[in-house]
Structure formats: C-alpha cells, structure tokens
Amino acid sequence: MDDLKFYCQDQLSNSLEVENVVDIYLVADFHNAVLLKEKCLFFIASHFQKVVFTKDWEQMCKSHGKKMIEVCRFLGNSLTYSLNL
C-alpha cells in the first residue's frame, strides 16, 4: 500500500499547475501525503503571484483557515530563508 501511495504522490506532484495546486494540497493534507503536501507548498511559494489569483486560493482562504495559516507560515519561512542567503 505504501508503494501505491508513493506512486500516486509522485504522479500528482508531476502534474502540479497554478490552477490545481490548492486542490491537490488539500487532498494531500487530508490523506496525510507528506511528500506531496511539501511539493505543493514549494510550488505555491514559487508561483505565489499567480496562485493567489485563482478561485481555489480564494476558496481556501474562506473555508480552510488552519490550512491558510500553515501555508503562510511556510511562505514566511521560505521568504526569511531566501532573504538570508
């Protein structure tokens, strides 16, 4: 079963796009797919200026407050790390 979960995470992480990353992130969180969730966070961080203008992002802001806190903390840590380089 772990092999299947890894395979699915790998396939989904290779299909990340601005339009689907929020949905995939929420699914990854629900299924405790740690690797996929991390890849989504990095994708969101690198495409933030586009992701924040999607309807899925707006919906997550309205419906998933705890997830937004998690994403914002990750982005804050990423930005702090980038500025310290």
Protein backbone atom coordinates (compact mmCIF):
# COMPACT_ATOMS: atom_id res chain seq x y z
CA MET A 1 0.00 0.00 0.00
CA ASP A 2 2.87 2.36 0.73
CA ASP A 3 4.18 1.82 -2.81
CA LEU A 4 0.83 2.84 -4.24
CA LYS A 5 0.68 5.94 -2.06
CA PHE A 6 4.20 6.92 -3.10
CA TYR A 7 3.35 6.34 -6.77
CA CYS A 8 0.22 8.49 -6.52
CA GLN A 9 2.10 11.27 -4.75
CA ASP A 10 4.79 11.18 -7.42
CA GLN A 11 2.26 11.31 -10.27
CA LEU A 12 0.29 14.14 -8.71
CA SER A 13 3.41 16.14 -7.90
CA ASN A 14 4.41 15.93 -11.56
CA SER A 15 1.06 17.38 -12.59
CA LEU A 16 1.09 20.46 -10.36
CA GLU A 17 -0.12 23.62 -12.04
CA VAL A 18 -1.24 27.02 -10.83
CA GLU A 19 -4.87 26.01 -11.38
CA ASN A 20 -4.77 22.73 -9.42
CA VAL A 21 -2.12 23.10 -6.72
CA VAL A 22 -4.54 24.26 -4.00
CA ASP A 23 -6.89 21.31 -4.55
CA ILE A 24 -4.00 18.86 -4.63
CA TYR A 25 -2.58 20.42 -1.46
CA LEU A 26 -5.89 19.93 0.36
CA VAL A 27 -6.18 16.32 -0.83
CA ALA A 28 -2.57 15.66 0.22
CA ASP A 29 -3.30 17.09 3.66
CA PHE A 30 -6.47 15.03 4.03
CA HIS A 31 -4.63 11.80 3.13
CA ASN A 32 -1.51 12.67 5.11
CA ALA A 33 0.57 12.54 1.93
CA VAL A 34 3.55 14.38 3.39
CA LEU A 35 5.77 14.36 0.30
CA LEU A 36 3.02 15.63 -1.97
CA LYS A 37 1.99 18.28 0.53
CA GLU A 38 5.58 19.54 0.73
CA LYS A 39 5.87 19.68 -3.06
CA CYS A 40 2.63 21.65 -3.19
CA LEU A 41 3.96 24.14 -0.65
CA PHE A 42 7.15 24.66 -2.64
CA PHE A 43 5.11 25.03 -5.83
CA ILE A 44 2.83 27.60 -4.19
CA ALA A 45 5.87 29.50 -2.92
CA SER A 46 7.48 29.60 -6.35
CA HIS A 47 4.28 30.57 -8.18
CA PHE A 48 2.69 32.63 -5.44
CA GLN A 49 1.90 35.69 -7.56
CA LYS A 50 -0.26 33.55 -9.85
CA VAL A 51 -1.70 31.10 -7.31
CA VAL A 52 -3.21 33.83 -5.14
CA PHE A 53 -5.42 34.96 -8.02
CA THR A 54 -7.09 31.58 -8.53
CA LYS A 55 -10.61 30.79 -7.36
CA ASP A 56 -9.28 27.79 -5.43
CA TRP A 57 -6.97 30.05 -3.41
CA GLU A 58 -9.87 32.37 -2.62
CA GLN A 59 -12.00 29.41 -1.57
CA MET A 60 -9.24 28.03 0.65
CA CYS A 61 -8.93 31.44 2.30
CA LYS A 62 -12.63 31.38 3.11
CA SER A 63 -13.05 27.76 4.10
CA HIS A 64 -9.74 26.45 5.41
CA GLY A 65 -8.34 28.94 7.89
CA LYS A 66 -5.98 26.48 9.57
CA LYS A 67 -4.56 25.43 6.20
CA MET A 68 -4.01 29.08 5.27
CA ILE A 69 -2.05 29.60 8.47
CA GLU A 70 0.11 26.59 7.59
CA VAL A 71 0.74 27.86 4.04
CA CYS A 72 1.50 31.39 5.25
CA ARG A 73 3.96 30.11 7.83
CA PHE A 74 5.71 28.04 5.17
CA LEU A 75 5.86 31.08 2.87
CA GLY A 76 7.20 33.23 5.69
CA ASN A 77 9.92 30.70 6.45
CA SER A 78 10.78 30.43 2.75
CA LEU A 79 10.99 34.19 2.39
CA THR A 80 13.13 34.54 5.50
CA TYR A 81 15.46 31.81 4.22
CA SER A 82 15.70 33.49 0.78
CA LEU A 83 16.48 36.89 2.29
CA ASN A 84 19.23 35.42 4.47
CA LEU A 85 21.06 33.87 1.51
